[in-house]
Amino acid sequence: MTSLRPVTSPGPDATPRTGLGLGVAAKGALTAYAAVVLVHLVAQWRDADGVANATQWLAVPCLVVALVAQTRLGSRLARLTAAGLVWSWVGDTLPDFVPEAVSFIVLMGAFLVAHVFFIAGFWPWRRESLLHSRIAWVYGAAAVVLVVACAPEAGPLAVGVAVYAAALAVMALLAAGIDRLAGIGGVLFVVSDALIAIRTFVPWVQVPENGFLVMATYLAALLLMILGVLRRLASRA
């Protein structure tokens, strides 16, 4: 004979959960992100610049909403990741509103700050990352090759490019310590920024559909990094 246990309903503060442990609000925000990204990539492919710009401005806020809804920013990792997302959004938007002569500097500066926040957030998991592994030499070598290739055309920006490349490589290495998804996201971020550098400073190398590939890899990178952070935080709950 089985005993009957009273069924208790969740309290008013309980967060409804669906799917992979995501709350309804977070799942909705990620769905919105997927829709915005799809429209954006189609616009990139069809050279619809107005739609591409508008959707680029809207994409990252969806990830911020998802992160805040799921975590309430209750941990250091969540707060620093959110800060990195906000500065990524600044890099996505502000260059469109400044003179073209300084737009790339603004872009690089905003994303450098974003990487500093990501690095600070991921740092406690450095022992689980690729930072001290042999593969770190591959990331480092790729950064050096990219800087050397860009230096002749970069001129006075070469030092800034070198600092940015170093921060990008460290961020990507540390991301692997958060979660496998975040590690893949870090690699895609490197690919995206490498494509931007090639387009900007290595004009004799022509990459077909460079803009589309830049945004496809960048938007996938951010999504995977956020999913990795959410999985890491869920594993600690």
Protein backbone atom coordinates (compact mmCIF):
# COMPACT_ATOMS: atom_id res chain seq x y z
CA MET A 1 0.00 0.00 0.00
CA THR A 2 1.46 3.32 -1.02
CA SER A 3 1.12 6.40 1.10
CA LEU A 4 -0.32 9.54 -0.36
CA ARG A 5 1.85 12.62 -0.04
CA PRO A 6 0.36 16.08 -0.17
CA VAL A 7 1.18 17.95 -3.33
CA THR A 8 2.56 21.39 -2.64
CA SER A 9 2.33 24.14 -5.18
CA PRO A 10 5.31 26.40 -5.84
CA GLY A 11 5.38 29.67 -3.96
CA PRO A 12 4.80 33.02 -5.61
CA ASP A 13 8.54 33.57 -6.03
CA ALA A 14 9.17 30.28 -7.81
CA THR A 15 10.51 30.61 -11.34
CA PRO A 16 8.71 28.45 -13.92
CA ARG A 17 11.20 26.21 -15.70
CA THR A 18 11.04 24.72 -19.16
CA GLY A 19 13.36 22.67 -21.33
CA LEU A 20 17.04 22.72 -20.34
CA GLY A 21 16.39 24.19 -16.92
CA LEU A 22 15.65 27.61 -18.40
CA GLY A 23 12.95 29.79 -16.95
CA VAL A 24 10.11 30.92 -19.19
CA ALA A 25 11.46 34.48 -19.40
CA ALA A 26 14.96 33.31 -20.33
CA LYS A 27 13.60 30.90 -22.91
CA GLY A 28 11.50 33.69 -24.43
CA ALA A 29 14.48 36.01 -24.60
CA LEU A 30 16.61 33.34 -26.29
CA THR A 31 13.81 32.67 -28.78
CA ALA A 32 13.69 36.39 -29.53
CA TYR A 33 17.47 36.33 -29.99
CA ALA A 34 17.21 33.49 -32.49
CA ALA A 35 14.55 35.39 -34.46
CA VAL A 36 16.56 38.63 -34.49
CA VAL A 37 19.71 36.78 -35.53
CA LEU A 38 17.89 35.03 -38.36
CA VAL A 39 16.52 38.32 -39.72
CA HIS A 40 19.93 39.94 -39.30
CA LEU A 41 21.82 37.25 -41.18
CA VAL A 42 19.30 37.28 -44.03
CA ALA A 43 19.71 41.06 -44.19
CA GLN A 44 23.50 40.67 -44.22
CA TRP A 45 23.28 38.14 -47.04
CA ARG A 46 20.98 40.39 -49.09
CA ASP A 47 22.93 43.60 -48.32
CA ALA A 48 19.91 45.19 -46.63
CA ASP A 49 22.02 47.55 -44.51
CA GLY A 50 19.17 49.29 -42.71
CA VAL A 51 17.63 46.05 -41.45
CA ALA A 52 21.07 44.62 -40.68
CA ASN A 53 21.97 47.63 -38.52
CA ALA A 54 18.67 47.65 -36.64
CA THR A 55 18.77 43.95 -35.86
CA GLN A 56 22.42 44.16 -34.83
CA TRP A 57 21.43 46.75 -32.22
CA LEU A 58 18.64 44.48 -30.94
CA ALA A 59 20.44 41.14 -30.74
CA VAL A 60 22.68 41.38 -27.67
CA PRO A 61 19.99 42.94 -25.42
CA CYS A 62 18.03 39.70 -25.85
CA LEU A 63 20.96 37.79 -24.35
CA VAL A 64 21.23 40.29 -21.50
CA VAL A 65 17.54 39.78 -20.73
CA ALA A 66 17.98 35.99 -20.82
CA LEU A 67 20.96 36.13 -18.48
CA VAL A 68 19.28 38.50 -16.03
CA ALA A 69 15.99 36.57 -16.09
CA GLN A 70 17.70 33.24 -15.42
CA THR A 71 20.28 34.33 -12.84
CA ARG A 72 18.95 37.58 -11.34
CA LEU A 73 22.65 38.47 -11.51
CA GLY A 74 23.06 36.68 -8.20
CA SER A 75 26.67 35.62 -8.80
CA ARG A 76 29.93 37.30 -9.70
CA LEU A 77 30.13 35.28 -12.92
CA ALA A 78 26.66 36.39 -14.00
CA ARG A 79 27.33 40.06 -13.22
CA LEU A 80 30.66 40.20 -15.04
CA THR A 81 29.28 38.27 -18.01
CA ALA A 82 26.38 40.72 -18.19
CA ALA A 83 28.87 43.60 -18.16
CA GLY A 84 30.77 41.95 -21.02
CA LEU A 85 27.52 41.66 -22.97
CA VAL A 86 26.65 45.31 -22.37
CA TRP A 87 30.04 46.42 -23.68
CA SER A 88 29.64 44.09 -26.65
CA TRP A 89 26.36 45.88 -27.35
CA VAL A 90 28.19 49.22 -27.12
CA GLY A 91 30.61 47.88 -29.72
CA ASP A 92 27.67 46.88 -31.91
CA THR A 93 25.95 50.25 -31.77
CA LEU A 94 28.22 53.19 -30.92
CA PRO A 95 30.45 52.96 -34.03
CA ASP A 96 27.36 53.74 -36.14
CA PHE A 97 26.97 57.10 -34.37
CA VAL A 98 30.54 58.44 -34.44
CA PRO A 99 32.62 59.79 -37.33
CA GLU A 100 33.87 57.06 -39.63
CA ALA A 101 37.48 58.07 -38.95
CA VAL A 102 37.20 56.87 -35.34
CA SER A 103 34.54 54.17 -35.69
CA PHE A 104 37.04 51.30 -35.73
CA ILE A 105 38.84 52.66 -32.67
CA VAL A 106 35.52 52.90 -30.83
CA LEU A 107 34.63 49.37 -31.95
CA MET A 108 37.94 47.92 -30.79
CA GLY A 109 37.87 49.85 -27.51
CA ALA A 110 34.38 48.72 -26.60
CA PHE A 111 35.11 45.07 -27.31
CA LEU A 112 38.42 45.28 -25.45
CA VAL A 113 36.49 46.37 -22.36
CA ALA A 114 34.01 43.54 -22.99
CA HIS A 115 36.84 41.01 -23.07
CA VAL A 116 38.28 42.38 -19.83
CA PHE A 117 34.94 41.77 -18.13
CA PHE A 118 34.68 38.27 -19.60
CA ILE A 119 38.24 37.50 -18.47
CA ALA A 120 37.48 38.73 -14.95
CA GLY A 121 34.33 36.60 -14.85
CA PHE A 122 35.99 33.45 -16.17
CA TRP A 123 39.22 33.81 -14.16
CA PRO A 124 38.18 31.72 -11.09
CA TRP A 125 37.92 28.69 -13.43
CA ARG A 126 41.35 29.21 -14.99
CA ARG A 127 42.62 25.85 -13.70
CA GLU A 128 39.87 24.11 -15.68
CA SER A 129 40.54 26.19 -18.77
CA LEU A 130 43.05 25.88 -21.60
CA LEU A 131 45.20 28.70 -20.23
CA HIS A 132 47.98 26.40 -19.01
CA SER A 133 47.59 23.70 -21.66
CA ARG A 134 49.68 23.10 -24.75
CA ILE A 135 46.86 24.32 -26.94
CA ALA A 136 47.36 27.77 -25.43
CA TRP A 137 50.43 28.04 -27.66
CA VAL A 138 48.14 27.59 -30.69
CA TYR A 139 45.92 30.49 -29.58
CA GLY A 140 49.00 32.60 -28.87
CA ALA A 141 50.58 31.80 -32.22
CA ALA A 142 47.36 32.65 -34.03
CA ALA A 143 47.23 36.01 -32.24
CA VAL A 144 50.85 36.77 -33.15
CA VAL A 145 50.34 35.85 -36.80
CA LEU A 146 47.26 38.04 -36.98
CA VAL A 147 49.04 41.01 -35.41
CA VAL A 148 52.06 40.64 -37.71
CA ALA A 149 49.77 40.44 -40.75
CA CYS A 150 47.84 43.54 -39.67
CA ALA A 151 50.77 45.66 -38.48
CA PRO A 152 51.86 47.16 -41.85
CA GLU A 153 48.41 48.60 -42.56
CA ALA A 154 47.48 49.26 -38.93
CA GLY A 155 50.23 51.84 -38.47
CA PRO A 156 49.80 53.61 -35.10
CA LEU A 157 46.93 51.25 -34.25
CA ALA A 158 49.28 48.26 -34.29
CA VAL A 159 49.89 48.44 -30.53
CA GLY A 160 46.17 48.57 -29.86
CA VAL A 161 45.60 45.64 -32.20
CA ALA A 162 48.27 43.65 -30.33
CA VAL A 163 46.70 44.39 -26.93
CA TYR A 164 43.27 43.48 -28.27
CA ALA A 165 44.53 40.23 -29.80
CA ALA A 166 46.14 39.23 -26.50
CA ALA A 167 42.95 39.92 -24.55
CA LEU A 168 40.87 38.03 -27.11
CA ALA A 169 43.14 34.97 -26.93
CA VAL A 170 43.12 34.94 -23.12
CA MET A 171 39.33 35.28 -23.04
CA ALA A 172 38.91 32.38 -25.45
CA LEU A 173 41.28 30.17 -23.46
CA LEU A 174 39.51 30.96 -20.17
CA ALA A 175 36.05 30.42 -21.69
CA ALA A 176 36.86 26.72 -22.06
CA GLY A 177 37.08 26.48 -18.27
CA ILE A 178 33.47 27.58 -17.88
CA ASP A 179 31.91 24.97 -20.11
CA ARG A 180 32.52 23.24 -23.43
CA LEU A 181 29.89 25.43 -25.09
CA ALA A 182 31.59 28.57 -23.81
CA GLY A 183 34.92 27.26 -25.09
CA ILE A 184 33.49 26.78 -28.57
CA GLY A 185 32.02 30.26 -28.32
CA GLY A 186 35.45 31.63 -27.49
CA VAL A 187 36.92 30.02 -30.60
CA LEU A 188 34.15 31.49 -32.76
CA PHE A 189 34.79 34.92 -31.24
CA VAL A 190 38.43 34.62 -32.32
CA VAL A 191 37.35 33.64 -35.83
CA SER A 192 34.92 36.56 -36.06
CA ASP A 193 37.47 39.13 -34.93
CA ALA A 194 40.12 37.64 -37.20
CA LEU A 195 37.78 38.15 -40.15
CA ILE A 196 37.28 41.79 -39.13
CA ALA A 197 41.03 42.29 -38.87
CA ILE A 198 41.62 40.74 -42.28
CA ARG A 199 38.93 42.92 -43.87
CA THR A 200 40.33 46.05 -42.22
CA PHE A 201 44.09 45.60 -42.37
CA VAL A 202 44.83 42.84 -44.89
CA PRO A 203 42.86 44.03 -47.94
CA TRP A 204 44.70 41.77 -50.38
CA VAL A 205 43.08 38.75 -48.71
CA GLN A 206 39.52 38.55 -49.96
CA VAL A 207 37.08 36.49 -47.87
CA PRO A 208 33.76 35.91 -49.65
CA GLU A 209 30.74 37.21 -47.71
CA ASN A 210 33.04 38.54 -45.00
CA GLY A 211 30.35 40.61 -43.29
CA PHE A 212 27.93 37.69 -43.13
CA LEU A 213 30.60 35.37 -41.73
CA VAL A 214 31.74 37.97 -39.18
CA MET A 215 28.25 38.34 -37.77
CA ALA A 216 27.33 34.65 -38.00
CA THR A 217 30.39 33.61 -35.99
CA TYR A 218 30.09 36.53 -33.55
CA LEU A 219 26.41 36.00 -32.76
CA ALA A 220 26.92 32.25 -32.42
CA ALA A 221 29.91 32.92 -30.14
CA LEU A 222 27.91 35.08 -27.75
CA LEU A 223 25.04 32.61 -27.62
CA LEU A 224 27.32 29.67 -26.85
CA MET A 225 29.24 31.64 -24.24
CA ILE A 226 26.02 32.62 -22.45
CA LEU A 227 24.66 29.06 -22.60
CA GLY A 228 27.97 27.86 -21.19
CA VAL A 229 27.78 30.36 -18.34
CA LEU A 230 24.20 29.31 -17.58
CA ARG A 231 25.21 25.64 -17.52
CA ARG A 232 28.11 26.42 -15.18
CA LEU A 233 25.84 28.35 -12.83
CA ALA A 234 23.18 25.61 -12.94
CA SER A 235 25.78 23.03 -11.99
CA ARG A 236 26.57 25.03 -8.85
CA ALA A 237 22.94 25.44 -7.82
